[in-house]
Amino acid sequence: MAAHEKRYFVICYDISDRRRLARVHRHVSARALRLQYSVYLFYGSDESAGIFMDELADIIDPRADDVRSYKVPKRGELYLAGNRLEELEIYLLGEGIERYTASRNVAGDESHEKGSQLSG
């Protein structure tokens, strides 16, 4: 993969100090899509993700805080569990990515259904 080619990254953090947490939250929220409380989806090149992580490293205390970045594969599977809306559709956009639907039945059990492949 070329350094300039864009892709998705999952960025997550665990910050121990409220002031640093607020700074990290503002910085990440300005550049990435929030998925959960401290989990975000960032879109950019390897280089821009590295710069972004370097910026976060300047904000955090590496002895007490944790910030991670994971490359999202172009083709992968999604597993859902836990408390969420009655019906949830998630679309991961990109080459070869499929649509996944999770729904909760009357008993509260979740079923997962792999949808049709989305065209790029």
PDB file of N, CA and C in Angstrom:
ATOM      1  N   MET A   1       0.836  -1.174   0.000  1.00  0.00           N
ATOM      2  CA  MET A   1       0.000   0.000   0.000  1.00  0.00           C
ATOM      3  C   MET A   1       0.887   1.245   0.000  1.00  0.00           C
ATOM      4  N   ALA A   2       0.600   2.171  -0.877  1.00  0.00           N
ATOM      5  CA  ALA A   2       1.358   3.409  -0.949  1.00  0.00           C
ATOM      6  C   ALA A   2       1.059   4.280   0.266  1.00  0.00           C
ATOM      7  N   ALA A   3       2.058   5.034   0.696  1.00  0.00           N
ATOM      8  CA  ALA A   3       1.904   5.861   1.895  1.00  0.00           C
ATOM      9  C   ALA A   3       0.824   6.921   1.731  1.00  0.00           C
ATOM     10  N   HIS A   4       0.551   7.332   0.508  1.00  0.00           N
ATOM     11  CA  HIS A   4      -0.436   8.380   0.269  1.00  0.00           C
ATOM     12  C   HIS A   4      -1.852   7.832   0.065  1.00  0.00           C
ATOM     13  N   GLU A   5      -1.999   6.515  -0.102  1.00  0.00           N
ATOM     14  CA  GLU A   5      -3.320   5.916  -0.300  1.00  0.00           C
ATOM     15  C   GLU A   5      -4.117   6.002   0.992  1.00  0.00           C
ATOM     16  N   LYS A   6      -5.375   6.427   0.889  1.00  0.00           N
ATOM     17  CA  LYS A   6      -6.203   6.617   2.089  1.00  0.00           C
ATOM     18  C   LYS A   6      -6.914   5.337   2.476  1.00  0.00           C
ATOM     19  N   ARG A   7      -7.127   5.190   3.775  1.00  0.00           N
ATOM     20  CA  ARG A   7      -7.838   4.043   4.328  1.00  0.00           C
ATOM     21  C   ARG A   7      -8.419   4.448   5.674  1.00  0.00           C
ATOM     22  N   TYR A   8      -9.152   3.529   6.308  1.00  0.00           N
ATOM     23  CA  TYR A   8      -9.749   3.788   7.615  1.00  0.00           C
ATOM     24  C   TYR A   8      -8.867   3.259   8.732  1.00  0.00           C
ATOM     25  N   PHE A   9      -8.889   3.971   9.854  1.00  0.00           N
ATOM     26  CA  PHE A   9      -8.196   3.581  11.075  1.00  0.00           C
ATOM     27  C   PHE A   9      -9.174   3.718  12.237  1.00  0.00           C
ATOM     28  N   VAL A  10      -9.157   2.776  13.138  1.00  0.00           N
ATOM     29  CA  VAL A  10      -9.903   2.911  14.382  1.00  0.00           C
ATOM     30  C   VAL A  10      -8.936   3.522  15.390  1.00  0.00           C
ATOM     31  N   ILE A  11      -9.341   4.635  15.981  1.00  0.00           N
ATOM     32  CA  ILE A  11      -8.546   5.321  16.997  1.00  0.00           C
ATOM     33  C   ILE A  11      -9.303   5.188  18.315  1.00  0.00           C
ATOM     34  N   CYS A  12      -8.628   4.738  19.351  1.00  0.00           N
ATOM     35  CA  CYS A  12      -9.277   4.637  20.657  1.00  0.00           C
ATOM     36  C   CYS A  12      -8.318   5.116  21.732  1.00  0.00           C
ATOM     37  N   TYR A  13      -8.891   5.563  22.834  1.00  0.00           N
ATOM     38  CA  TYR A  13      -8.042   6.097  23.892  1.00  0.00           C
ATOM     39  C   TYR A  13      -8.637   5.838  25.267  1.00  0.00           C
ATOM     40  N   ASP A  14      -7.733   5.841  26.250  1.00  0.00           N
ATOM     41  CA  ASP A  14      -8.077   5.742  27.659  1.00  0.00           C
ATOM     42  C   ASP A  14      -7.188   6.762  28.366  1.00  0.00           C
ATOM     43  N   ILE A  15      -7.770   7.856  28.801  1.00  0.00           N
ATOM     44  CA  ILE A  15      -7.025   8.975  29.370  1.00  0.00           C
ATOM     45  C   ILE A  15      -7.393   9.118  30.848  1.00  0.00           C
ATOM     46  N   SER A  16      -6.395   9.208  31.718  1.00  0.00           N
ATOM     47  CA  SER A  16      -6.643   9.183  33.163  1.00  0.00           C
ATOM     48  C   SER A  16      -6.962  10.550  33.765  1.00  0.00           C
ATOM     49  N   ASP A  17      -6.566  11.627  33.134  1.00  0.00           N
ATOM     50  CA  ASP A  17      -6.762  12.976  33.667  1.00  0.00           C
ATOM     51  C   ASP A  17      -7.874  13.689  32.898  1.00  0.00           C
ATOM     52  N   ARG A  18      -8.797  14.316  33.601  1.00  0.00           N
ATOM     53  CA  ARG A  18      -9.951  14.973  32.951  1.00  0.00           C
ATOM     54  C   ARG A  18      -9.542  16.069  31.981  1.00  0.00           C
ATOM     55  N   ARG A  19      -8.553  16.852  32.339  1.00  0.00           N
ATOM     56  CA  ARG A  19      -8.122  17.953  31.463  1.00  0.00           C
ATOM     57  C   ARG A  19      -7.515  17.404  30.171  1.00  0.00           C
ATOM     58  N   ARG A  20      -6.643  16.404  30.291  1.00  0.00           N
ATOM     59  CA  ARG A  20      -6.071  15.785  29.084  1.00  0.00           C
ATOM     60  C   ARG A  20      -7.143  15.072  28.280  1.00  0.00           C
ATOM     61  N   LEU A  21      -8.083  14.435  28.974  1.00  0.00           N
ATOM     62  CA  LEU A  21      -9.194  13.766  28.290  1.00  0.00           C
ATOM     63  C   LEU A  21      -9.967  14.757  27.432  1.00  0.00           C
ATOM     64  N   ALA A  22     -10.253  15.920  27.969  1.00  0.00           N
ATOM     65  CA  ALA A  22     -10.989  16.946  27.210  1.00  0.00           C
ATOM     66  C   ALA A  22     -10.188  17.391  25.988  1.00  0.00           C
ATOM     67  N   ARG A  23      -8.880  17.564  26.147  1.00  0.00           N
ATOM     68  CA  ARG A  23      -8.036  17.981  25.017  1.00  0.00           C
ATOM     69  C   ARG A  23      -7.978  16.899  23.945  1.00  0.00           C
ATOM     70  N   VAL A  24      -7.806  15.645  24.365  1.00  0.00           N
ATOM     71  CA  VAL A  24      -7.757  14.536  23.407  1.00  0.00           C
ATOM     72  C   VAL A  24      -9.096  14.411  22.698  1.00  0.00           C
ATOM     73  N   HIS A  25     -10.183  14.493  23.453  1.00  0.00           N
ATOM     74  CA  HIS A  25     -11.523  14.388  22.868  1.00  0.00           C
ATOM     75  C   HIS A  25     -11.741  15.466  21.804  1.00  0.00           C
ATOM     76  N   ARG A  26     -11.397  16.711  22.114  1.00  0.00           N
ATOM     77  CA  ARG A  26     -11.560  17.800  21.143  1.00  0.00           C
ATOM     78  C   ARG A  26     -10.709  17.556  19.891  1.00  0.00           C
ATOM     79  N   HIS A  27      -9.483  17.124  20.098  1.00  0.00           N
ATOM     80  CA  HIS A  27      -8.566  16.915  18.974  1.00  0.00           C
ATOM     81  C   HIS A  27      -9.057  15.782  18.068  1.00  0.00           C
ATOM     82  N   VAL A  28      -9.462  14.670  18.672  1.00  0.00           N
ATOM     83  CA  VAL A  28      -9.908  13.521  17.879  1.00  0.00           C
ATOM     84  C   VAL A  28     -11.254  13.819  17.226  1.00  0.00           C
ATOM     85  N   SER A  29     -12.163  14.439  17.961  1.00  0.00           N
ATOM     86  CA  SER A  29     -13.500  14.735  17.425  1.00  0.00           C
ATOM     87  C   SER A  29     -13.453  15.659  16.213  1.00  0.00           C
ATOM     88  N   ALA A  30     -12.448  16.505  16.152  1.00  0.00           N
ATOM     89  CA  ALA A  30     -12.329  17.441  15.027  1.00  0.00           C
ATOM     90  C   ALA A  30     -11.898  16.738  13.739  1.00  0.00           C
ATOM     91  N   ARG A  31     -11.318  15.527  13.852  1.00  0.00           N
ATOM     92  CA  ARG A  31     -10.751  14.876  12.669  1.00  0.00           C
ATOM     93  C   ARG A  31     -11.278  13.484  12.395  1.00  0.00           C
ATOM     94  N   ALA A  32     -12.124  12.950  13.294  1.00  0.00           N
ATOM     95  CA  ALA A  32     -12.575  11.575  13.131  1.00  0.00           C
ATOM     96  C   ALA A  32     -14.037  11.446  13.540  1.00  0.00           C
ATOM     97  N   LEU A  33     -14.671  10.387  13.080  1.00  0.00           N
ATOM     98  CA  LEU A  33     -16.077  10.107  13.356  1.00  0.00           C
ATOM     99  C   LEU A  33     -16.185   9.269  14.631  1.00  0.00           C
ATOM    100  N   ARG A  34     -16.983   9.741  15.575  1.00  0.00           N
ATOM    101  CA  ARG A  34     -17.140   9.021  16.840  1.00  0.00           C
ATOM    102  C   ARG A  34     -18.009   7.779  16.646  1.00  0.00           C
ATOM    103  N   LEU A  35     -17.494   6.631  17.098  1.00  0.00           N
ATOM    104  CA  LEU A  35     -18.230   5.376  17.041  1.00  0.00           C
ATOM    105  C   LEU A  35     -18.803   5.016  18.404  1.00  0.00           C
ATOM    106  N   GLN A  36     -18.014   5.233  19.453  1.00  0.00           N
ATOM    107  CA  GLN A  36     -18.415   5.027  20.838  1.00  0.00           C
ATOM    108  C   GLN A  36     -17.747   6.110  21.664  1.00  0.00           C
ATOM    109  N   TYR A  37     -17.855   6.028  22.995  1.00  0.00           N
ATOM    110  CA  TYR A  37     -17.342   7.098  23.847  1.00  0.00           C
ATOM    111  C   TYR A  37     -15.892   7.474  23.542  1.00  0.00           C
ATOM    112  N   SER A  38     -15.013   6.534  23.436  1.00  0.00           N
ATOM    113  CA  SER A  38     -13.610   6.868  23.167  1.00  0.00           C
ATOM    114  C   SER A  38     -13.055   6.059  21.995  1.00  0.00           C
ATOM    115  N   VAL A  39     -13.929   5.771  21.048  1.00  0.00           N
ATOM    116  CA  VAL A  39     -13.544   5.009  19.852  1.00  0.00           C
ATOM    117  C   VAL A  39     -14.001   5.791  18.623  1.00  0.00           C
ATOM    118  N   TYR A  40     -13.072   6.020  17.699  1.00  0.00           N
ATOM    119  CA  TYR A  40     -13.337   6.863  16.541  1.00  0.00           C
ATOM    120  C   TYR A  40     -12.862   6.196  15.262  1.00  0.00           C
ATOM    121  N   LEU A  41     -13.426   6.636  14.149  1.00  0.00           N
ATOM    122  CA  LEU A  41     -13.023   6.180  12.831  1.00  0.00           C
ATOM    123  C   LEU A  41     -12.354   7.351  12.116  1.00  0.00           C
ATOM    124  N   PHE A  42     -11.091   7.160  11.765  1.00  0.00           N
ATOM    125  CA  PHE A  42     -10.284   8.183  11.095  1.00  0.00           C
ATOM    126  C   PHE A  42     -10.038   7.734   9.667  1.00  0.00           C
ATOM    127  N   TYR A  43     -10.122   8.655   8.713  1.00  0.00           N
ATOM    128  CA  TYR A  43      -9.869   8.347   7.310  1.00  0.00           C
ATOM    129  C   TYR A  43      -8.692   9.172   6.838  1.00  0.00           C
ATOM    130  N   GLY A  44      -7.654   8.485   6.367  1.00  0.00           N
ATOM    131  CA  GLY A  44      -6.491   9.202   5.866  1.00  0.00           C
ATOM    132  C   GLY A  44      -5.407   8.238   5.444  1.00  0.00           C
ATOM    133  N   SER A  45      -4.300   8.789   5.031  1.00  0.00           N
ATOM    134  CA  SER A  45      -3.157   7.985   4.607  1.00  0.00           C
ATOM    135  C   SER A  45      -2.388   7.494   5.834  1.00  0.00           C
ATOM    136  N   ASP A  46      -1.480   6.552   5.615  1.00  0.00           N
ATOM    137  CA  ASP A  46      -0.606   6.098   6.703  1.00  0.00           C
ATOM    138  C   ASP A  46       0.165   7.285   7.284  1.00  0.00           C
ATOM    139  N   GLU A  47       0.612   8.148   6.399  1.00  0.00           N
ATOM    140  CA  GLU A  47       1.371   9.325   6.837  1.00  0.00           C
ATOM    141  C   GLU A  47       0.509  10.254   7.690  1.00  0.00           C
ATOM    142  N   SER A  48      -0.710  10.555   7.241  1.00  0.00           N
ATOM    143  CA  SER A  48      -1.564  11.458   8.013  1.00  0.00           C
ATOM    144  C   SER A  48      -1.989  10.822   9.343  1.00  0.00           C
ATOM    145  N   ALA A  49      -2.174   9.499   9.358  1.00  0.00           N
ATOM    146  CA  ALA A  49      -2.492   8.818  10.613  1.00  0.00           C
ATOM    147  C   ALA A  49      -1.304   8.891  11.567  1.00  0.00           C
ATOM    148  N   GLY A  50      -0.097   8.753  11.036  1.00  0.00           N
ATOM    149  CA  GLY A  50       1.096   8.873  11.872  1.00  0.00           C
ATOM    150  C   GLY A  50       1.248  10.262  12.460  1.00  0.00           C
ATOM    151  N   ILE A  51       0.987  11.274  11.656  1.00  0.00           N
ATOM    152  CA  ILE A  51       1.046  12.664  12.133  1.00  0.00           C
ATOM    153  C   ILE A  51      -0.011  12.883  13.204  1.00  0.00           C
ATOM    154  N   PHE A  52      -1.211  12.370  12.961  1.00  0.00           N
ATOM    155  CA  PHE A  52      -2.316  12.488  13.917  1.00  0.00           C
ATOM    156  C   PHE A  52      -1.932  11.840  15.253  1.00  0.00           C
ATOM    157  N   MET A  53      -1.346  10.649  15.208  1.00  0.00           N
ATOM    158  CA  MET A  53      -0.934   9.960  16.434  1.00  0.00           C
ATOM    159  C   MET A  53       0.199  10.719  17.134  1.00  0.00           C
ATOM    160  N   ASP A  54       1.106  11.328  16.365  1.00  0.00           N
ATOM    161  CA  ASP A  54       2.172  12.138  16.965  1.00  0.00           C
ATOM    162  C   ASP A  54       1.586  13.353  17.696  1.00  0.00           C
ATOM    163  N   GLU A  55       0.559  13.960  17.094  1.00  0.00           N
ATOM    164  CA  GLU A  55      -0.105  15.096  17.741  1.00  0.00           C
ATOM    165  C   GLU A  55      -0.739  14.667  19.061  1.00  0.00           C
ATOM    166  N   LEU A  56      -1.374  13.484  19.059  1.00  0.00           N
ATOM    167  CA  LEU A  56      -1.983  12.973  20.287  1.00  0.00           C
ATOM    168  C   LEU A  56      -0.916  12.638  21.329  1.00  0.00           C
ATOM    169  N   ALA A  57       0.223  12.125  20.871  1.00  0.00           N
ATOM    170  CA  ALA A  57       1.319  11.796  21.791  1.00  0.00           C
ATOM    171  C   ALA A  57       1.832  13.035  22.517  1.00  0.00           C
ATOM    172  N   ASP A  58       1.720  14.195  21.876  1.00  0.00           N
ATOM    173  CA  ASP A  58       2.136  15.449  22.506  1.00  0.00           C
ATOM    174  C   ASP A  58       1.151  15.907  23.582  1.00  0.00           C
ATOM    175  N   ILE A  59      -0.080  15.415  23.535  1.00  0.00           N
ATOM    176  CA  ILE A  59      -1.118  15.821  24.491  1.00  0.00           C
ATOM    177  C   ILE A  59      -1.139  14.911  25.716  1.00  0.00           C
ATOM    178  N   ILE A  60      -0.929  13.627  25.510  1.00  0.00           N
ATOM    179  CA  ILE A  60      -1.121  12.647  26.584  1.00  0.00           C
ATOM    180  C   ILE A  60       0.102  12.540  27.500  1.00  0.00           C
ATOM    181  N   ASP A  61      -0.105  11.868  28.622  1.00  0.00           N
ATOM    182  CA  ASP A  61       0.986  11.458  29.504  1.00  0.00           C
ATOM    183  C   ASP A  61       1.201   9.971  29.232  1.00  0.00           C
ATOM    184  N   PRO A  62       2.293   9.583  28.563  1.00  0.00           N
ATOM    185  CA  PRO A  62       2.479   8.184  28.169  1.00  0.00           C
ATOM    186  C   PRO A  62       2.607   7.219  29.351  1.00  0.00           C
ATOM    187  N   ARG A  63       2.871   7.732  30.548  1.00  0.00           N
ATOM    188  CA  ARG A  63       2.955   6.866  31.726  1.00  0.00           C
ATOM    189  C   ARG A  63       1.580   6.512  32.278  1.00  0.00           C
ATOM    190  N   ALA A  64       0.566   7.322  31.953  1.00  0.00           N
ATOM    191  CA  ALA A  64      -0.760   7.125  32.542  1.00  0.00           C
ATOM    192  C   ALA A  64      -1.863   6.906  31.509  1.00  0.00           C
ATOM    193  N   ASP A  65      -1.644   7.309  30.260  1.00  0.00           N
ATOM    194  CA  ASP A  65      -2.685   7.282  29.231  1.00  0.00           C
ATOM    195  C   ASP A  65      -2.363   6.259  28.147  1.00  0.00           C
ATOM    196  N   ASP A  66      -3.384   5.927  27.379  1.00  0.00           N
ATOM    197  CA  ASP A  66      -3.231   4.946  26.307  1.00  0.00           C
ATOM    198  C   ASP A  66      -4.008   5.428  25.084  1.00  0.00           C
ATOM    199  N   VAL A  67      -3.333   5.562  23.947  1.00  0.00           N
ATOM    200  CA  VAL A  67      -3.972   5.907  22.675  1.00  0.00           C
ATOM    201  C   VAL A  67      -3.510   4.877  21.661  1.00  0.00           C
ATOM    202  N   ARG A  68      -4.460   4.327  20.913  1.00  0.00           N
ATOM    203  CA  ARG A  68      -4.131   3.283  19.933  1.00  0.00           C
ATOM    204  C   ARG A  68      -4.765   3.585  18.590  1.00  0.00           C
ATOM    205  N   SER A  69      -4.115   3.074  17.557  1.00  0.00           N
ATOM    206  CA  SER A  69      -4.620   3.202  16.194  1.00  0.00           C
ATOM    207  C   SER A  69      -4.544   1.823  15.541  1.00  0.00           C
ATOM    208  N   TYR A  70      -5.645   1.413  14.928  1.00  0.00           N
ATOM    209  CA  TYR A  70      -5.703   0.124  14.241  1.00  0.00           C
ATOM    210  C   TYR A  70      -6.140   0.354  12.800  1.00  0.00           C
ATOM    211  N   LYS A  71      -5.390  -0.189  11.851  1.00  0.00           N
ATOM    212  CA  LYS A  71      -5.800  -0.107  10.449  1.00  0.00           C
ATOM    213  C   LYS A  71      -7.003  -1.019  10.249  1.00  0.00           C
ATOM    214  N   VAL A  72      -8.014  -0.515   9.562  1.00  0.00           N
ATOM    215  CA  VAL A  72      -9.188  -1.319   9.235  1.00  0.00           C
ATOM    216  C   VAL A  72      -8.911  -2.016   7.907  1.00  0.00           C
ATOM    217  N   PRO A  73      -9.023  -3.336   7.868  1.00  0.00           N
ATOM    218  CA  PRO A  73      -8.774  -4.029   6.604  1.00  0.00           C
ATOM    219  C   PRO A  73      -9.822  -3.653   5.562  1.00  0.00           C
ATOM    220  N   LYS A  74      -9.410  -3.677   4.311  1.00  0.00           N
ATOM    221  CA  LYS A  74     -10.361  -3.351   3.248  1.00  0.00           C
ATOM    222  C   LYS A  74     -11.511  -4.341   3.209  1.00  0.00           C
ATOM    223  N   ARG A  75     -11.230  -5.556   3.608  1.00  0.00           N
ATOM    224  CA  ARG A  75     -12.270  -6.576   3.618  1.00  0.00           C
ATOM    225  C   ARG A  75     -12.188  -7.294   4.962  1.00  0.00           C
ATOM    226  N   GLY A  76     -13.250  -7.275   5.715  1.00  0.00           N
ATOM    227  CA  GLY A  76     -13.230  -7.907   7.024  1.00  0.00           C
ATOM    228  C   GLY A  76     -14.628  -8.234   7.491  1.00  0.00           C
ATOM    229  N   GLU A  77     -14.711  -8.831   8.659  1.00  0.00           N
ATOM    230  CA  GLU A  77     -16.006  -9.179   9.225  1.00  0.00           C
ATOM    231  C   GLU A  77     -16.279  -8.304  10.431  1.00  0.00           C
ATOM    232  N   LEU A  78     -17.542  -8.057  10.701  1.00  0.00           N
ATOM    233  CA  LEU A  78     -17.966  -7.239  11.820  1.00  0.00           C
ATOM    234  C   LEU A  78     -18.832  -8.085  12.731  1.00  0.00           C
ATOM    235  N   TYR A  79     -18.507  -8.110  14.017  1.00  0.00           N
ATOM    236  CA  TYR A  79     -19.296  -8.841  15.005  1.00  0.00           C
ATOM    237  C   TYR A  79     -19.848  -7.838  16.000  1.00  0.00           C
ATOM    238  N   LEU A  80     -21.116  -7.949  16.304  1.00  0.00           N
ATOM    239  CA  LEU A  80     -21.785  -7.026  17.213  1.00  0.00           C
ATOM    240  C   LEU A  80     -22.310  -7.773  18.422  1.00  0.00           C
ATOM    241  N   ALA A  81     -22.202  -7.167  19.587  1.00  0.00           N
ATOM    242  CA  ALA A  81     -22.756  -7.736  20.807  1.00  0.00           C
ATOM    243  C   ALA A  81     -23.004  -6.595  21.783  1.00  0.00           C
ATOM    244  N   GLY A  82     -23.915  -6.797  22.703  1.00  0.00           N
ATOM    245  CA  GLY A  82     -24.147  -5.791  23.738  1.00  0.00           C
ATOM    246  C   GLY A  82     -25.406  -4.991  23.511  1.00  0.00           C
ATOM    247  N   ASN A  83     -25.563  -3.969  24.313  1.00  0.00           N
ATOM    248  CA  ASN A  83     -26.760  -3.148  24.330  1.00  0.00           C
ATOM    249  C   ASN A  83     -26.720  -2.109  23.205  1.00  0.00           C
ATOM    250  N   ARG A  84     -27.687  -2.138  22.346  1.00  0.00           N
ATOM    251  CA  ARG A  84     -27.767  -1.170  21.247  1.00  0.00           C
ATOM    252  C   ARG A  84     -29.220  -1.008  20.813  1.00  0.00           C
ATOM    253  N   LEU A  85     -29.430  -0.263  19.792  1.00  0.00           N
ATOM    254  CA  LEU A  85     -30.779  -0.026  19.282  1.00  0.00           C
ATOM    255  C   LEU A  85     -31.440  -1.326  18.843  1.00  0.00           C
ATOM    256  N   GLU A  86     -32.755  -1.293  18.729  1.00  0.00           N
ATOM    257  CA  GLU A  86     -33.505  -2.480  18.313  1.00  0.00           C
ATOM    258  C   GLU A  86     -33.049  -2.985  16.944  1.00  0.00           C
ATOM    259  N   GLU A  87     -32.797  -2.104  16.037  1.00  0.00           N
ATOM    260  CA  GLU A  87     -32.304  -2.488  14.709  1.00  0.00           C
ATOM    261  C   GLU A  87     -31.167  -1.542  14.362  1.00  0.00           C
ATOM    262  N   LEU A  88     -30.094  -2.100  13.939  1.00  0.00           N
ATOM    263  CA  LEU A  88     -28.919  -1.310  13.643  1.00  0.00           C
ATOM    264  C   LEU A  88     -28.341  -1.760  12.319  1.00  0.00           C
ATOM    265  N   GLU A  89     -28.143  -0.843  11.414  1.00  0.00           N
ATOM    266  CA  GLU A  89     -27.470  -1.162  10.165  1.00  0.00           C
ATOM    267  C   GLU A  89     -26.166  -0.400  10.144  1.00  0.00           C
ATOM    268  N   ILE A  90     -25.114  -1.091   9.815  1.00  0.00           N
ATOM    269  CA  ILE A  90     -23.794  -0.487   9.756  1.00  0.00           C
ATOM    270  C   ILE A  90     -23.272  -0.649   8.339  1.00  0.00           C
ATOM    271  N   TYR A  91     -22.803   0.430   7.782  1.00  0.00           N
ATOM    272  CA  TYR A  91     -22.241   0.402   6.447  1.00  0.00           C
ATOM    273  C   TYR A  91     -20.761   0.753   6.541  1.00  0.00           C
ATOM    274  N   LEU A  92     -19.928  -0.159   6.131  1.00  0.00           N
ATOM    275  CA  LEU A  92     -18.504   0.104   6.031  1.00  0.00           C
ATOM    276  C   LEU A  92     -18.228   0.320   4.555  1.00  0.00           C
ATOM    277  N   LEU A  93     -17.832   1.509   4.196  1.00  0.00           N
ATOM    278  CA  LEU A  93     -17.684   1.856   2.799  1.00  0.00           C
ATOM    279  C   LEU A  93     -16.272   1.575   2.313  1.00  0.00           C
ATOM    280  N   GLY A  94     -16.189   1.032   1.147  1.00  0.00           N
ATOM    281  CA  GLY A  94     -14.884   0.758   0.555  1.00  0.00           C
ATOM    282  C   GLY A  94     -14.963  -0.427  -0.369  1.00  0.00           C
ATOM    283  N   GLU A  95     -13.859  -0.723  -0.984  1.00  0.00           N
ATOM    284  CA  GLU A  95     -13.787  -1.799  -1.947  1.00  0.00           C
ATOM    285  C   GLU A  95     -14.018  -3.147  -1.278  1.00  0.00           C
ATOM    286  N   GLY A  96     -14.986  -3.903  -1.749  1.00  0.00           N
ATOM    287  CA  GLY A  96     -15.215  -5.243  -1.240  1.00  0.00           C
ATOM    288  C   GLY A  96     -15.838  -5.309   0.140  1.00  0.00           C
ATOM    289  N   ILE A  97     -16.348  -4.208   0.662  1.00  0.00           N
ATOM    290  CA  ILE A  97     -16.946  -4.203   1.997  1.00  0.00           C
ATOM    291  C   ILE A  97     -18.424  -4.550   1.868  1.00  0.00           C
ATOM    292  N   GLU A  98     -18.926  -5.308   2.815  1.00  0.00           N
ATOM    293  CA  GLU A  98     -20.318  -5.732   2.783  1.00  0.00           C
ATOM    294  C   GLU A  98     -21.118  -5.025   3.867  1.00  0.00           C
ATOM    295  N   ARG A  99     -22.425  -5.046   3.726  1.00  0.00           N
ATOM    296  CA  ARG A  99     -23.317  -4.447   4.700  1.00  0.00           C
ATOM    297  C   ARG A  99     -23.705  -5.501   5.724  1.00  0.00           C
ATOM    298  N   TYR A 100     -23.702  -5.107   6.979  1.00  0.00           N
ATOM    299  CA  TYR A 100     -24.085  -6.010   8.053  1.00  0.00           C
ATOM    300  C   TYR A 100     -25.257  -5.419   8.812  1.00  0.00           C
ATOM    301  N   THR A 101     -26.189  -6.274   9.180  1.00  0.00           N
ATOM    302  CA  THR A 101     -27.344  -5.838   9.952  1.00  0.00           C
ATOM    303  C   THR A 101     -27.405  -6.651  11.232  1.00  0.00           C
ATOM    304  N   ALA A 102     -27.631  -5.981  12.333  1.00  0.00           N
ATOM    305  CA  ALA A 102     -27.833  -6.671  13.601  1.00  0.00           C
ATOM    306  C   ALA A 102     -29.202  -6.264  14.121  1.00  0.00           C
ATOM    307  N   SER A 103     -29.975  -7.216  14.570  1.00  0.00           N
ATOM    308  CA  SER A 103     -31.271  -6.881  15.143  1.00  0.00           C
ATOM    309  C   SER A 103     -31.492  -7.737  16.373  1.00  0.00           C
ATOM    310  N   ARG A 104     -32.293  -7.253  17.268  1.00  0.00           N
ATOM    311  CA  ARG A 104     -32.571  -7.939  18.511  1.00  0.00           C
ATOM    312  C   ARG A 104     -33.970  -8.538  18.416  1.00  0.00           C
ATOM    313  N   ASN A 105     -34.088  -9.827  18.705  1.00  0.00           N
ATOM    314  CA  ASN A 105     -35.403 -10.445  18.639  1.00  0.00           C
ATOM    315  C   ASN A 105     -36.151 -10.213  19.960  1.00  0.00           C
ATOM    316  N   VAL A 106     -37.360 -10.707  20.057  1.00  0.00           N
ATOM    317  CA  VAL A 106     -38.216 -10.462  21.217  1.00  0.00           C
ATOM    318  C   VAL A 106     -37.577 -10.972  22.506  1.00  0.00           C
ATOM    319  N   ALA A 107     -36.840 -12.070  22.451  1.00  0.00           N
ATOM    320  CA  ALA A 107     -36.209 -12.648  23.635  1.00  0.00           C
ATOM    321  C   ALA A 107     -34.974 -11.854  24.057  1.00  0.00           C
ATOM    322  N   GLY A 108     -34.570 -10.891  23.256  1.00  0.00           N
ATOM    323  CA  GLY A 108     -33.404 -10.095  23.582  1.00  0.00           C
ATOM    324  C   GLY A 108     -32.118 -10.619  22.981  1.00  0.00           C
ATOM    325  N   ASP A 109     -32.187 -11.761  22.291  1.00  0.00           N
ATOM    326  CA  ASP A 109     -31.002 -12.314  21.653  1.00  0.00           C
ATOM    327  C   ASP A 109     -30.759 -11.566  20.349  1.00  0.00           C
ATOM    328  N   GLU A 110     -29.512 -11.425  20.012  1.00  0.00           N
ATOM    329  CA  GLU A 110     -29.184 -10.741  18.766  1.00  0.00           C
ATOM    330  C   GLU A 110     -28.966 -11.735  17.648  1.00  0.00           C
ATOM    331  N   SER A 111     -29.382 -11.360  16.484  1.00  0.00           N
ATOM    332  CA  SER A 111     -29.059 -12.153  15.300  1.00  0.00           C
ATOM    333  C   SER A 111     -28.225 -11.269  14.394  1.00  0.00           C
ATOM    334  N   HIS A 112     -27.334 -11.880  13.666  1.00  0.00           N
ATOM    335  CA  HIS A 112     -26.446 -11.142  12.772  1.00  0.00           C
ATOM    336  C   HIS A 112     -26.648 -11.660  11.369  1.00  0.00           C
ATOM    337  N   GLU A 113     -26.747 -10.757  10.472  1.00  0.00           N
ATOM    338  CA  GLU A 113     -27.009 -11.118   9.097  1.00  0.00           C
ATOM    339  C   GLU A 113     -26.036 -10.381   8.199  1.00  0.00           C
ATOM    340  N   LYS A 114     -25.351 -11.139   7.373  1.00  0.00           N
ATOM    341  CA  LYS A 114     -24.436 -10.536   6.421  1.00  0.00           C
ATOM    342  C   LYS A 114     -25.213 -10.175   5.176  1.00  0.00           C
ATOM    343  N   GLY A 115     -25.179  -8.920   4.811  1.00  0.00           N
ATOM    344  CA  GLY A 115     -25.945  -8.455   3.663  1.00  0.00           C
ATOM    345  C   GLY A 115     -25.201  -8.632   2.373  1.00  0.00           C
ATOM    346  N   SER A 116     -25.770  -8.084   1.340  1.00  0.00           N
ATOM    347  CA  SER A 116     -25.151  -8.201   0.027  1.00  0.00           C
ATOM    348  C   SER A 116     -23.915  -7.299  -0.056  1.00  0.00           C
ATOM    349  N   GLN A 117     -23.006  -7.682  -0.916  1.00  0.00           N
ATOM    350  CA  GLN A 117     -21.797  -6.903  -1.069  1.00  0.00           C
ATOM    351  C   GLN A 117     -22.135  -5.579  -1.741  1.00  0.00           C
ATOM    352  N   LEU A 118     -21.585  -4.529  -1.201  1.00  0.00           N
ATOM    353  CA  LEU A 118     -21.797  -3.203  -1.755  1.00  0.00           C
ATOM    354  C   LEU A 118     -20.779  -2.959  -2.860  1.00  0.00           C
ATOM    355  N   SER A 119     -21.211  -2.340  -3.905  1.00  0.00           N
ATOM    356  CA  SER A 119     -20.262  -2.037  -4.987  1.00  0.00           C
ATOM    357  C   SER A 119     -19.533  -0.750  -4.641  1.00  0.00           C
ATOM    358  N   GLY A 120     -18.251  -0.697  -5.005  1.00  0.00           N
ATOM    359  CA  GLY A 120     -17.418   0.456  -4.691  1.00  0.00           C
ATOM    360  C   GLY A 120     -17.745   1.579  -5.579  1.00  0.00           C
TER     361      GLY A 120
END
